[in-house]
Amino acid sequence: MTFSLLVRDPETGAMGGAAATGSLCVGGWVLRARWGAGVSASQGASPSTLWGEAALDEMSSGSNASQTIARVTANDRNRDARQLGVLDMTGRGAVFSGDANMPEIGDMVFADGVACGNLLASPAVIPALVETYRTGSGTLAERLLAALFAGRSAGSDSRGLMSAALLVISPDHAPLTLRIDHADDPLTALADLHERATTGDYAYWARQVPTVNDPGRGLD
């Protein structure tokens, strides 16, 4: 009951995800990321947060995206009510979409990305996510945000939207984890939160936070 997009920037190696849904708290339910593993989006009529974490564990252990999907989904008796997208550190993606999810169901794997959704109002939502991201400009986060707006314009979740989230990880920057858990217009609220989080005093403070490539960084 969600649409999501997972991507890797081949120029910087940064990875990210964005999601929106017609229910509460999509960031907490759907998006997961871990440097050295990849990113995952676990969603569906009966989503499993266990799938999202298990996918990161698999990729951290060396499984590629396709192997990860096969292993995580294999032994779950309610797998048909779930949807899982994963993207490994090399930019290889894979997706599982269970048949018991409510239509419209869609997914797409492309170079350095994965998009998937269910309970969509139109089959145009997933292509709109991908095309807007791939042809967009700006930072990785800005392109992900633009893709969410495009998904909404192409049909959105058939119930409308109630929550949205954005997640970006990089070896050279602190994680960017933004969530709008409930709002009448969660995409506009998410875009506003992104602007606040990437400018001014907060952005200055975030640049002092330790990173993968500089774990000793601080207020020197």
N, C-alpha and C. Protein backbone atom coordinates (compact mmCIF):
# COMPACT_ATOMS: atom_id res chain seq x y z
N MET A 1 0.83 -1.19 0.00
CA MET A 1 0.00 0.00 0.00
C MET A 1 0.87 1.24 0.00
N THR A 2 1.90 1.16 -0.86
CA THR A 2 3.01 2.11 -0.78
C THR A 2 3.68 2.17 -2.14
N PHE A 3 4.35 3.27 -2.46
CA PHE A 3 5.31 3.26 -3.56
C PHE A 3 6.66 3.74 -3.05
N SER A 4 7.73 3.11 -3.55
CA SER A 4 9.07 3.40 -3.05
C SER A 4 10.08 3.32 -4.18
N LEU A 5 11.22 3.95 -3.94
CA LEU A 5 12.30 4.01 -4.91
C LEU A 5 13.62 3.89 -4.17
N LEU A 6 14.48 2.97 -4.61
CA LEU A 6 15.81 2.77 -4.05
C LEU A 6 16.83 3.04 -5.15
N VAL A 7 17.89 3.81 -4.85
CA VAL A 7 18.84 4.20 -5.89
C VAL A 7 20.27 4.24 -5.36
N ARG A 8 21.19 4.17 -6.31
CA ARG A 8 22.62 4.36 -6.04
C ARG A 8 23.15 5.39 -7.03
N ASP A 9 23.93 6.36 -6.53
CA ASP A 9 24.56 7.35 -7.38
C ASP A 9 25.91 6.79 -7.83
N PRO A 10 26.07 6.44 -9.10
CA PRO A 10 27.33 5.82 -9.54
C PRO A 10 28.54 6.74 -9.44
N GLU A 11 28.32 8.05 -9.39
CA GLU A 11 29.43 8.98 -9.33
C GLU A 11 30.00 9.09 -7.91
N THR A 12 29.14 9.07 -6.91
CA THR A 12 29.60 9.25 -5.53
C THR A 12 29.52 7.97 -4.71
N GLY A 13 28.77 6.99 -5.18
CA GLY A 13 28.54 5.78 -4.40
C GLY A 13 27.46 5.92 -3.35
N ALA A 14 26.93 7.12 -3.16
CA ALA A 14 25.86 7.32 -2.19
C ALA A 14 24.63 6.50 -2.58
N MET A 15 23.88 6.07 -1.57
CA MET A 15 22.68 5.28 -1.81
C MET A 15 21.52 5.92 -1.07
N GLY A 16 20.31 5.71 -1.59
CA GLY A 16 19.17 6.33 -0.95
C GLY A 16 17.88 5.65 -1.27
N GLY A 17 16.86 6.05 -0.54
CA GLY A 17 15.52 5.54 -0.77
C GLY A 17 14.49 6.58 -0.41
N ALA A 18 13.34 6.47 -1.03
CA ALA A 18 12.22 7.36 -0.72
C ALA A 18 10.94 6.55 -0.83
N ALA A 19 9.97 6.88 0.00
CA ALA A 19 8.71 6.13 0.01
C ALA A 19 7.57 7.03 0.45
N ALA A 20 6.38 6.68 -0.01
CA ALA A 20 5.17 7.38 0.41
C ALA A 20 4.02 6.39 0.45
N THR A 21 3.05 6.64 1.33
CA THR A 21 1.94 5.71 1.48
C THR A 21 0.69 6.42 1.99
N GLY A 22 -0.43 5.72 1.87
CA GLY A 22 -1.69 6.23 2.38
C GLY A 22 -1.97 5.83 3.80
N SER A 23 -0.96 5.39 4.52
CA SER A 23 -1.08 5.01 5.91
C SER A 23 -0.01 5.75 6.72
N LEU A 24 0.09 5.44 8.00
CA LEU A 24 1.03 6.12 8.90
C LEU A 24 2.45 5.57 8.79
N CYS A 25 3.43 6.41 9.08
CA CYS A 25 4.78 5.99 9.47
C CYS A 25 5.50 5.15 8.43
N VAL A 26 5.47 5.57 7.17
CA VAL A 26 6.08 4.77 6.11
C VAL A 26 7.59 4.62 6.30
N GLY A 27 8.25 5.65 6.85
CA GLY A 27 9.70 5.55 7.03
C GLY A 27 10.10 4.45 7.98
N GLY A 28 9.38 4.32 9.08
CA GLY A 28 9.69 3.29 10.04
C GLY A 28 9.36 1.90 9.55
N TRP A 29 8.32 1.77 8.75
CA TRP A 29 7.92 0.47 8.25
C TRP A 29 8.75 0.00 7.07
N VAL A 30 9.08 0.89 6.15
CA VAL A 30 9.52 0.47 4.83
C VAL A 30 11.03 0.54 4.61
N LEU A 31 11.64 1.68 4.86
CA LEU A 31 13.01 1.92 4.40
C LEU A 31 14.06 1.46 5.41
N ARG A 32 15.10 0.80 4.89
CA ARG A 32 16.25 0.39 5.68
C ARG A 32 17.51 0.63 4.85
N ALA A 33 18.62 0.97 5.50
CA ALA A 33 19.89 1.17 4.81
C ALA A 33 21.04 0.89 5.76
N ARG A 34 22.13 0.36 5.20
CA ARG A 34 23.33 0.13 5.98
C ARG A 34 24.53 0.20 5.06
N TRP A 35 25.48 1.07 5.39
CA TRP A 35 26.66 1.19 4.55
C TRP A 35 27.43 -0.13 4.57
N GLY A 36 27.84 -0.60 3.41
CA GLY A 36 28.50 -1.89 3.29
C GLY A 36 27.54 -3.01 2.93
N ALA A 37 26.24 -2.74 3.03
CA ALA A 37 25.21 -3.73 2.69
C ALA A 37 24.38 -3.23 1.51
N GLY A 38 23.64 -2.15 1.71
CA GLY A 38 22.78 -1.62 0.67
C GLY A 38 21.54 -0.99 1.25
N VAL A 39 20.47 -0.97 0.47
CA VAL A 39 19.21 -0.39 0.91
C VAL A 39 18.08 -1.37 0.59
N SER A 40 17.01 -1.29 1.39
CA SER A 40 15.86 -2.17 1.18
C SER A 40 14.57 -1.41 1.43
N ALA A 41 13.50 -1.89 0.79
CA ALA A 41 12.16 -1.37 1.01
C ALA A 41 11.23 -2.57 1.17
N SER A 42 10.72 -2.76 2.37
CA SER A 42 9.81 -3.87 2.66
C SER A 42 8.42 -3.30 2.89
N GLN A 43 7.47 -3.71 2.08
CA GLN A 43 6.13 -3.11 2.09
C GLN A 43 5.11 -4.16 1.70
N GLY A 44 3.88 -3.74 1.45
CA GLY A 44 2.85 -4.66 1.01
C GLY A 44 1.64 -4.65 1.92
N ALA A 45 0.68 -5.54 1.60
CA ALA A 45 -0.55 -5.62 2.38
C ALA A 45 -0.27 -6.04 3.81
N SER A 46 0.75 -6.88 4.00
CA SER A 46 1.17 -7.31 5.33
C SER A 46 2.68 -7.24 5.41
N PRO A 47 3.24 -6.02 5.52
CA PRO A 47 4.69 -5.84 5.41
C PRO A 47 5.45 -6.44 6.58
N SER A 48 6.66 -6.86 6.30
CA SER A 48 7.53 -7.43 7.34
C SER A 48 8.78 -6.57 7.49
N THR A 49 8.91 -5.92 8.66
CA THR A 49 10.16 -5.21 8.92
C THR A 49 11.31 -6.20 9.04
N LEU A 50 11.01 -7.45 9.38
CA LEU A 50 12.04 -8.48 9.45
C LEU A 50 12.68 -8.70 8.08
N TRP A 51 11.88 -8.63 7.03
CA TRP A 51 12.43 -8.77 5.69
C TRP A 51 13.44 -7.68 5.38
N GLY A 52 13.11 -6.44 5.74
CA GLY A 52 14.02 -5.33 5.46
C GLY A 52 15.36 -5.50 6.13
N GLU A 53 15.35 -5.90 7.40
CA GLU A 53 16.59 -6.10 8.14
C GLU A 53 17.33 -7.34 7.63
N ALA A 54 16.60 -8.41 7.34
CA ALA A 54 17.23 -9.63 6.84
C ALA A 54 17.91 -9.39 5.50
N ALA A 55 17.31 -8.55 4.67
CA ALA A 55 17.92 -8.22 3.39
C ALA A 55 19.27 -7.53 3.58
N LEU A 56 19.34 -6.61 4.53
CA LEU A 56 20.62 -5.95 4.80
C LEU A 56 21.64 -6.93 5.33
N ASP A 57 21.22 -7.85 6.18
CA ASP A 57 22.13 -8.86 6.71
C ASP A 57 22.68 -9.73 5.58
N GLU A 58 21.83 -10.14 4.67
CA GLU A 58 22.26 -10.97 3.54
C GLU A 58 23.27 -10.25 2.67
N MET A 59 22.97 -8.99 2.33
CA MET A 59 23.88 -8.24 1.46
C MET A 59 25.19 -7.92 2.17
N SER A 60 25.11 -7.69 3.48
CA SER A 60 26.33 -7.46 4.25
C SER A 60 27.23 -8.69 4.25
N SER A 61 26.61 -9.86 4.15
CA SER A 61 27.37 -11.12 4.14
C SER A 61 27.88 -11.49 2.76
N GLY A 62 27.56 -10.68 1.75
CA GLY A 62 28.10 -10.92 0.42
C GLY A 62 27.10 -11.35 -0.63
N SER A 63 25.84 -11.55 -0.26
CA SER A 63 24.82 -11.93 -1.24
C SER A 63 24.50 -10.75 -2.14
N ASN A 64 24.32 -11.01 -3.43
CA ASN A 64 23.89 -9.93 -4.31
C ASN A 64 22.38 -9.74 -4.18
N ALA A 65 21.83 -8.79 -4.91
CA ALA A 65 20.42 -8.44 -4.74
C ALA A 65 19.50 -9.62 -5.06
N SER A 66 19.75 -10.31 -6.16
CA SER A 66 18.89 -11.43 -6.54
C SER A 66 18.96 -12.57 -5.52
N GLN A 67 20.15 -12.89 -5.07
CA GLN A 67 20.31 -13.92 -4.05
C GLN A 67 19.60 -13.53 -2.76
N THR A 68 19.70 -12.26 -2.42
CA THR A 68 19.06 -11.76 -1.20
C THR A 68 17.54 -11.93 -1.27
N ILE A 69 16.94 -11.52 -2.37
CA ILE A 69 15.50 -11.66 -2.52
C ILE A 69 15.09 -13.13 -2.38
N ALA A 70 15.80 -14.01 -3.05
CA ALA A 70 15.45 -15.43 -3.02
C ALA A 70 15.52 -15.99 -1.60
N ARG A 71 16.57 -15.63 -0.86
CA ARG A 71 16.77 -16.19 0.46
C ARG A 71 15.81 -15.60 1.50
N VAL A 72 15.56 -14.31 1.41
CA VAL A 72 14.71 -13.66 2.42
C VAL A 72 13.25 -14.08 2.26
N THR A 73 12.80 -14.23 1.03
CA THR A 73 11.38 -14.49 0.80
C THR A 73 11.01 -15.97 0.80
N ALA A 74 11.99 -16.85 0.77
CA ALA A 74 11.73 -18.27 0.49
C ALA A 74 10.82 -18.96 1.49
N ASN A 75 11.05 -18.75 2.77
CA ASN A 75 10.39 -19.58 3.79
C ASN A 75 9.32 -18.84 4.60
N ASP A 76 8.78 -17.79 4.05
CA ASP A 76 7.74 -17.01 4.73
C ASP A 76 6.38 -17.46 4.21
N ARG A 77 5.54 -18.03 5.07
CA ARG A 77 4.26 -18.58 4.61
C ARG A 77 3.30 -17.50 4.13
N ASN A 78 3.55 -16.24 4.50
CA ASN A 78 2.70 -15.12 4.05
C ASN A 78 3.41 -14.25 3.03
N ARG A 79 4.36 -14.83 2.31
CA ARG A 79 5.17 -14.07 1.36
C ARG A 79 4.32 -13.40 0.28
N ASP A 80 3.20 -14.01 -0.11
CA ASP A 80 2.40 -13.45 -1.19
C ASP A 80 1.72 -12.13 -0.82
N ALA A 81 1.67 -11.81 0.48
CA ALA A 81 1.08 -10.54 0.92
C ALA A 81 2.14 -9.47 1.13
N ARG A 82 3.36 -9.73 0.69
CA ARG A 82 4.46 -8.80 0.93
C ARG A 82 5.12 -8.38 -0.39
N GLN A 83 5.87 -7.30 -0.29
CA GLN A 83 6.65 -6.79 -1.44
C GLN A 83 7.99 -6.33 -0.90
N LEU A 84 9.07 -6.67 -1.60
CA LEU A 84 10.41 -6.33 -1.15
C LEU A 84 11.27 -5.89 -2.32
N GLY A 85 11.87 -4.71 -2.19
CA GLY A 85 12.86 -4.25 -3.14
C GLY A 85 14.20 -4.13 -2.44
N VAL A 86 15.28 -4.53 -3.10
CA VAL A 86 16.62 -4.41 -2.53
C VAL A 86 17.59 -3.90 -3.58
N LEU A 87 18.60 -3.19 -3.11
CA LEU A 87 19.66 -2.67 -3.97
C LEU A 87 20.97 -2.86 -3.24
N ASP A 88 21.90 -3.60 -3.88
CA ASP A 88 23.17 -3.85 -3.21
C ASP A 88 24.18 -2.74 -3.50
N MET A 89 25.35 -2.83 -2.91
CA MET A 89 26.32 -1.74 -2.97
C MET A 89 26.88 -1.51 -4.37
N THR A 90 26.74 -2.49 -5.25
CA THR A 90 27.22 -2.32 -6.62
C THR A 90 26.15 -1.71 -7.53
N GLY A 91 24.95 -1.50 -6.99
CA GLY A 91 23.87 -0.95 -7.79
C GLY A 91 23.00 -2.00 -8.46
N ARG A 92 23.20 -3.27 -8.12
CA ARG A 92 22.32 -4.31 -8.65
C ARG A 92 21.05 -4.38 -7.81
N GLY A 93 19.91 -4.45 -8.48
CA GLY A 93 18.64 -4.46 -7.79
C GLY A 93 17.83 -5.70 -8.07
N ALA A 94 16.89 -5.97 -7.20
CA ALA A 94 15.94 -7.06 -7.38
C ALA A 94 14.69 -6.75 -6.58
N VAL A 95 13.58 -7.39 -6.97
CA VAL A 95 12.31 -7.10 -6.31
C VAL A 95 11.44 -8.35 -6.29
N PHE A 96 10.66 -8.48 -5.24
CA PHE A 96 9.64 -9.52 -5.12
C PHE A 96 8.31 -8.84 -4.86
N SER A 97 7.29 -9.19 -5.65
CA SER A 97 5.95 -8.63 -5.46
C SER A 97 4.96 -9.78 -5.32
N GLY A 98 4.46 -10.00 -4.11
CA GLY A 98 3.53 -11.08 -3.87
C GLY A 98 2.19 -10.85 -4.53
N ASP A 99 1.60 -11.93 -5.03
CA ASP A 99 0.35 -11.84 -5.80
C ASP A 99 -0.85 -11.46 -4.95
N ALA A 100 -0.75 -11.63 -3.63
CA ALA A 100 -1.90 -11.32 -2.76
C ALA A 100 -2.00 -9.84 -2.42
N ASN A 101 -1.05 -9.04 -2.86
CA ASN A 101 -1.16 -7.60 -2.67
C ASN A 101 -2.27 -7.06 -3.55
N MET A 102 -2.86 -5.94 -3.09
CA MET A 102 -3.98 -5.36 -3.83
C MET A 102 -3.47 -4.62 -5.06
N PRO A 103 -4.14 -4.81 -6.20
CA PRO A 103 -3.75 -4.04 -7.39
C PRO A 103 -4.16 -2.58 -7.21
N GLU A 104 -3.47 -1.73 -7.95
CA GLU A 104 -2.48 -2.00 -8.97
C GLU A 104 -1.11 -2.28 -8.31
N ILE A 105 -0.44 -3.35 -8.72
CA ILE A 105 0.89 -3.70 -8.24
C ILE A 105 1.88 -3.42 -9.36
N GLY A 106 3.04 -2.88 -9.01
CA GLY A 106 4.05 -2.65 -10.04
C GLY A 106 5.45 -2.68 -9.47
N ASP A 107 6.41 -2.99 -10.32
CA ASP A 107 7.82 -2.91 -9.92
C ASP A 107 8.69 -2.75 -11.16
N MET A 108 9.88 -2.23 -10.95
CA MET A 108 10.82 -2.01 -12.04
C MET A 108 12.24 -2.01 -11.50
N VAL A 109 13.11 -2.77 -12.15
CA VAL A 109 14.53 -2.77 -11.84
C VAL A 109 15.25 -2.08 -12.99
N PHE A 110 16.11 -1.12 -12.69
CA PHE A 110 16.85 -0.39 -13.71
C PHE A 110 18.29 -0.20 -13.24
N ALA A 111 19.13 0.36 -14.07
CA ALA A 111 20.53 0.55 -13.70
C ALA A 111 20.63 1.40 -12.45
N ASP A 112 21.21 0.83 -11.39
CA ASP A 112 21.40 1.53 -10.12
C ASP A 112 20.09 1.91 -9.45
N GLY A 113 19.05 1.09 -9.62
CA GLY A 113 17.81 1.43 -8.94
C GLY A 113 16.74 0.36 -8.99
N VAL A 114 15.79 0.50 -8.07
CA VAL A 114 14.61 -0.37 -7.99
C VAL A 114 13.43 0.48 -7.57
N ALA A 115 12.29 0.28 -8.19
CA ALA A 115 11.05 0.93 -7.78
C ALA A 115 9.96 -0.12 -7.64
N CYS A 116 9.08 0.04 -6.66
CA CYS A 116 7.98 -0.90 -6.51
C CYS A 116 6.82 -0.24 -5.79
N GLY A 117 5.63 -0.80 -5.98
CA GLY A 117 4.45 -0.24 -5.34
C GLY A 117 3.27 -1.19 -5.39
N ASN A 118 2.30 -0.94 -4.53
CA ASN A 118 1.08 -1.74 -4.50
C ASN A 118 -0.08 -0.85 -4.03
N LEU A 119 -1.27 -1.29 -4.31
CA LEU A 119 -2.48 -0.50 -4.07
C LEU A 119 -2.38 0.87 -4.75
N LEU A 120 -1.82 0.87 -5.94
CA LEU A 120 -1.64 2.09 -6.70
C LEU A 120 -2.90 2.41 -7.49
N ALA A 121 -3.09 3.69 -7.75
CA ALA A 121 -4.25 4.11 -8.52
C ALA A 121 -4.05 3.96 -10.01
N SER A 122 -2.78 3.75 -10.44
CA SER A 122 -2.50 3.69 -11.87
C SER A 122 -1.19 2.92 -12.11
N PRO A 123 -1.11 2.19 -13.22
CA PRO A 123 0.16 1.53 -13.58
C PRO A 123 1.24 2.52 -13.99
N ALA A 124 0.89 3.81 -14.12
CA ALA A 124 1.87 4.83 -14.52
C ALA A 124 2.74 5.29 -13.36
N VAL A 125 2.40 4.92 -12.13
CA VAL A 125 3.13 5.46 -10.97
C VAL A 125 4.59 5.02 -10.97
N ILE A 126 4.86 3.74 -11.15
CA ILE A 126 6.23 3.25 -11.07
C ILE A 126 7.10 3.81 -12.20
N PRO A 127 6.65 3.77 -13.46
CA PRO A 127 7.46 4.42 -14.51
C PRO A 127 7.71 5.90 -14.26
N ALA A 128 6.74 6.60 -13.67
CA ALA A 128 6.93 8.02 -13.38
C ALA A 128 8.01 8.24 -12.34
N LEU A 129 8.03 7.41 -11.31
CA LEU A 129 9.09 7.47 -10.30
C LEU A 129 10.46 7.35 -10.96
N VAL A 130 10.61 6.30 -11.77
CA VAL A 130 11.91 5.99 -12.37
C VAL A 130 12.34 7.07 -13.35
N GLU A 131 11.45 7.46 -14.25
CA GLU A 131 11.81 8.43 -15.28
C GLU A 131 12.17 9.78 -14.67
N THR A 132 11.42 10.22 -13.69
CA THR A 132 11.71 11.52 -13.07
C THR A 132 13.04 11.49 -12.35
N TYR A 133 13.33 10.40 -11.64
CA TYR A 133 14.63 10.29 -10.98
C TYR A 133 15.76 10.29 -12.01
N ARG A 134 15.63 9.48 -13.05
CA ARG A 134 16.73 9.30 -14.00
C ARG A 134 17.02 10.55 -14.82
N THR A 135 16.01 11.35 -15.07
CA THR A 135 16.20 12.55 -15.90
C THR A 135 16.34 13.82 -15.07
N GLY A 136 16.28 13.70 -13.76
CA GLY A 136 16.31 14.87 -12.90
C GLY A 136 17.70 15.42 -12.68
N SER A 137 17.75 16.53 -11.99
CA SER A 137 19.02 17.17 -11.65
C SER A 137 19.00 17.49 -10.16
N GLY A 138 20.16 17.90 -9.67
CA GLY A 138 20.27 18.22 -8.25
C GLY A 138 20.91 17.09 -7.48
N THR A 139 20.84 17.18 -6.18
CA THR A 139 21.42 16.15 -5.33
C THR A 139 20.59 14.87 -5.40
N LEU A 140 21.18 13.80 -4.87
CA LEU A 140 20.46 12.53 -4.83
C LEU A 140 19.13 12.69 -4.09
N ALA A 141 19.15 13.36 -2.96
CA ALA A 141 17.93 13.56 -2.17
C ALA A 141 16.91 14.37 -2.95
N GLU A 142 17.34 15.40 -3.65
CA GLU A 142 16.41 16.24 -4.41
C GLU A 142 15.76 15.45 -5.55
N ARG A 143 16.53 14.58 -6.18
CA ARG A 143 15.98 13.76 -7.26
C ARG A 143 14.98 12.74 -6.72
N LEU A 144 15.26 12.19 -5.55
CA LEU A 144 14.32 11.26 -4.92
C LEU A 144 13.02 11.97 -4.56
N LEU A 145 13.13 13.16 -4.02
CA LEU A 145 11.93 13.94 -3.70
C LEU A 145 11.11 14.24 -4.95
N ALA A 146 11.78 14.64 -6.01
CA ALA A 146 11.07 14.93 -7.26
C ALA A 146 10.35 13.69 -7.77
N ALA A 147 10.97 12.52 -7.59
CA ALA A 147 10.35 11.28 -8.03
C ALA A 147 9.07 10.99 -7.25
N LEU A 148 9.07 11.24 -5.94
CA LEU A 148 7.86 11.04 -5.16
C LEU A 148 6.73 11.93 -5.65
N PHE A 149 7.02 13.19 -5.92
CA PHE A 149 5.99 14.09 -6.44
C PHE A 149 5.46 13.58 -7.78
N ALA A 150 6.36 13.06 -8.62
CA ALA A 150 5.93 12.53 -9.92
C ALA A 150 5.04 11.30 -9.74
N GLY A 151 5.38 10.45 -8.76
CA GLY A 151 4.55 9.29 -8.50
C GLY A 151 3.16 9.69 -8.05
N ARG A 152 3.09 10.72 -7.23
CA ARG A 152 1.78 11.22 -6.80
C ARG A 152 0.98 11.74 -7.98
N SER A 153 1.62 12.51 -8.85
CA SER A 153 0.92 13.09 -10.00
C SER A 153 0.46 12.02 -10.98
N ALA A 154 1.19 10.89 -11.03
CA ALA A 154 0.84 9.82 -11.98
C ALA A 154 -0.26 8.91 -11.46
N GLY A 155 -0.73 9.12 -10.24
CA GLY A 155 -1.80 8.31 -9.72
C GLY A 155 -1.74 8.08 -8.23
N SER A 156 -0.52 7.94 -7.69
CA SER A 156 -0.31 7.84 -6.26
C SER A 156 -0.85 6.54 -5.66
N ASP A 157 -0.79 6.42 -4.37
CA ASP A 157 -1.51 5.41 -3.61
C ASP A 157 -3.00 5.68 -3.83
N SER A 158 -3.77 4.63 -4.05
CA SER A 158 -5.18 4.82 -4.38
C SER A 158 -5.98 5.46 -3.26
N ARG A 159 -5.42 5.49 -2.04
CA ARG A 159 -6.11 6.11 -0.91
C ARG A 159 -5.68 7.55 -0.69
N GLY A 160 -4.75 8.06 -1.53
CA GLY A 160 -4.09 9.33 -1.23
C GLY A 160 -2.87 9.06 -0.37
N LEU A 161 -2.21 10.11 0.09
CA LEU A 161 -0.99 9.96 0.87
C LEU A 161 -1.16 10.51 2.28
N MET A 162 -0.53 9.81 3.24
CA MET A 162 -0.57 10.22 4.63
C MET A 162 0.82 10.38 5.24
N SER A 163 1.82 9.63 4.72
CA SER A 163 3.17 9.73 5.26
C SER A 163 4.19 9.56 4.13
N ALA A 164 5.41 10.05 4.38
CA ALA A 164 6.48 9.98 3.38
C ALA A 164 7.82 9.98 4.09
N ALA A 165 8.84 9.46 3.41
CA ALA A 165 10.16 9.36 4.04
C ALA A 165 11.26 9.42 2.99
N LEU A 166 12.43 9.85 3.45
CA LEU A 166 13.61 9.98 2.61
C LEU A 166 14.82 9.53 3.41
N LEU A 167 15.70 8.75 2.77
CA LEU A 167 16.87 8.20 3.45
C LEU A 167 18.04 8.20 2.49
N VAL A 168 19.18 8.79 2.89
CA VAL A 168 20.39 8.81 2.06
C VAL A 168 21.58 8.46 2.94
N ILE A 169 22.42 7.52 2.46
CA ILE A 169 23.65 7.16 3.17
C ILE A 169 24.85 7.35 2.24
N SER A 170 25.97 7.72 2.82
CA SER A 170 27.19 8.00 2.06
C SER A 170 28.38 7.79 2.97
N PRO A 171 29.54 7.41 2.44
CA PRO A 171 30.72 7.26 3.30
C PRO A 171 31.30 8.58 3.78
N ASP A 172 30.89 9.68 3.16
CA ASP A 172 31.48 10.98 3.46
C ASP A 172 30.54 11.95 4.16
N HIS A 173 29.30 11.54 4.41
CA HIS A 173 28.33 12.41 5.05
C HIS A 173 27.55 11.64 6.10
N ALA A 174 27.06 12.35 7.08
CA ALA A 174 26.17 11.72 8.06
C ALA A 174 24.90 11.25 7.35
N PRO A 175 24.27 10.18 7.83
CA PRO A 175 23.02 9.72 7.21
C PRO A 175 21.96 10.81 7.25
N LEU A 176 21.20 10.90 6.19
CA LEU A 176 20.06 11.81 6.12
C LEU A 176 18.81 10.94 6.23
N THR A 177 18.13 11.04 7.34
CA THR A 177 16.94 10.22 7.58
C THR A 177 15.79 11.13 7.96
N LEU A 178 14.87 11.33 7.04
CA LEU A 178 13.77 12.26 7.23
C LEU A 178 12.44 11.52 7.12
N ARG A 179 11.54 11.79 8.06
CA ARG A 179 10.25 11.09 8.08
C ARG A 179 9.11 12.07 8.39
N ILE A 180 8.07 11.98 7.61
CA ILE A 180 6.81 12.63 7.93
C ILE A 180 5.83 11.50 8.21
N ASP A 181 5.51 11.29 9.49
CA ASP A 181 4.72 10.13 9.88
C ASP A 181 3.22 10.33 9.69
N HIS A 182 2.76 11.59 9.64
CA HIS A 182 1.34 11.87 9.41
C HIS A 182 1.19 13.32 9.01
N ALA A 183 0.58 13.55 7.86
CA ALA A 183 0.31 14.92 7.40
C ALA A 183 -0.73 14.88 6.30
N ASP A 184 -1.44 15.99 6.15
CA ASP A 184 -2.40 16.10 5.06
C ASP A 184 -1.70 16.13 3.70
N ASP A 185 -0.49 16.72 3.68
CA ASP A 185 0.31 16.80 2.45
C ASP A 185 1.74 16.39 2.80
N PRO A 186 2.00 15.09 2.94
CA PRO A 186 3.30 14.64 3.45
C PRO A 186 4.47 14.93 2.50
N LEU A 187 4.23 15.00 1.22
CA LEU A 187 5.34 15.28 0.30
C LEU A 187 5.83 16.72 0.44
N THR A 188 4.91 17.66 0.53
CA THR A 188 5.32 19.05 0.75
C THR A 188 6.00 19.20 2.10
N ALA A 189 5.48 18.52 3.11
CA ALA A 189 6.11 18.57 4.44
C ALA A 189 7.50 17.96 4.40
N LEU A 190 7.67 16.88 3.64
CA LEU A 190 8.99 16.25 3.53
C LEU A 190 9.97 17.15 2.79
N ALA A 191 9.52 17.79 1.74
CA ALA A 191 10.38 18.72 1.02
C ALA A 191 10.81 19.89 1.91
N ASP A 192 9.88 20.39 2.72
CA ASP A 192 10.22 21.47 3.66
C ASP A 192 11.22 20.99 4.71
N LEU A 193 11.02 19.79 5.23
CA LEU A 193 11.95 19.25 6.22
C LEU A 193 13.33 19.06 5.61
N HIS A 194 13.38 18.60 4.36
CA HIS A 194 14.67 18.44 3.68
C HIS A 194 15.39 19.78 3.55
N GLU A 195 14.67 20.81 3.20
CA GLU A 195 15.26 22.14 3.08
C GLU A 195 15.84 22.60 4.42
N ARG A 196 15.10 22.38 5.48
CA ARG A 196 15.56 22.78 6.81
C ARG A 196 16.76 21.96 7.26
N ALA A 197 16.80 20.68 6.88
CA ALA A 197 17.87 19.79 7.33
C ALA A 197 19.16 19.95 6.55
N THR A 198 19.11 20.60 5.40
CA THR A 198 20.30 20.71 4.55
C THR A 198 20.78 22.15 4.39
N THR A 199 20.27 23.05 5.22
CA THR A 199 20.71 24.44 5.19
C THR A 199 20.86 24.96 6.62
N GLY A 200 21.55 26.07 6.74
CA GLY A 200 21.61 26.76 8.02
C GLY A 200 22.39 26.03 9.11
N ASP A 201 22.04 26.31 10.36
CA ASP A 201 22.77 25.78 11.50
C ASP A 201 22.73 24.26 11.58
N TYR A 202 21.58 23.68 11.23
CA TYR A 202 21.49 22.23 11.31
C TYR A 202 22.45 21.57 10.33
N ALA A 203 22.53 22.08 9.12
CA ALA A 203 23.45 21.52 8.13
C ALA A 203 24.90 21.70 8.58
N TYR A 204 25.21 22.85 9.19
CA TYR A 204 26.57 23.06 9.71
C TYR A 204 26.90 22.03 10.79
N TRP A 205 25.95 21.81 11.69
CA TRP A 205 26.18 20.81 12.75
C TRP A 205 26.35 19.42 12.16
N ALA A 206 25.53 19.05 11.17
CA ALA A 206 25.59 17.72 10.58
C ALA A 206 26.93 17.45 9.92
N ARG A 207 27.59 18.50 9.46
CA ARG A 207 28.90 18.30 8.83
C ARG A 207 29.99 17.94 9.84
N GLN A 208 29.69 18.06 11.13
CA GLN A 208 30.66 17.70 12.16
C GLN A 208 30.48 16.24 12.64
N VAL A 209 29.42 15.61 12.18
CA VAL A 209 29.10 14.26 12.65
C VAL A 209 30.05 13.24 12.03
N PRO A 210 30.53 12.25 12.80
CA PRO A 210 31.42 11.22 12.25
C PRO A 210 30.82 10.50 11.05
N THR A 211 31.67 10.09 10.14
CA THR A 211 31.26 9.38 8.93
C THR A 211 32.06 8.10 8.78
N VAL A 212 31.68 7.27 7.83
CA VAL A 212 32.41 6.03 7.57
C VAL A 212 33.87 6.33 7.25
N ASN A 213 34.11 7.33 6.42
CA ASN A 213 35.48 7.65 6.02
C ASN A 213 36.22 8.55 7.00
N ASP A 214 35.51 9.12 7.96
CA ASP A 214 36.14 9.98 8.98
C ASP A 214 35.45 9.75 10.31
N PRO A 215 35.67 8.57 10.93
CA PRO A 215 34.96 8.24 12.18
C PRO A 215 35.36 9.10 13.37
N GLY A 216 36.46 9.84 13.26
CA GLY A 216 36.88 10.69 14.36
C GLY A 216 36.43 12.14 14.23
N ARG A 217 35.65 12.41 13.22
CA ARG A 217 35.19 13.79 12.99
C ARG A 217 34.36 14.28 14.17
N GLY A 218 34.48 15.57 14.44
CA GLY A 218 33.70 16.16 15.53
C GLY A 218 33.86 17.66 15.53
N LEU A 219 33.50 18.28 16.66
CA LEU A 219 33.60 19.72 16.78
C LEU A 219 35.01 20.09 17.21
N ASP A 220 35.95 19.93 16.27
CA ASP A 220 37.37 20.20 16.56
C ASP A 220 37.63 21.71 16.62
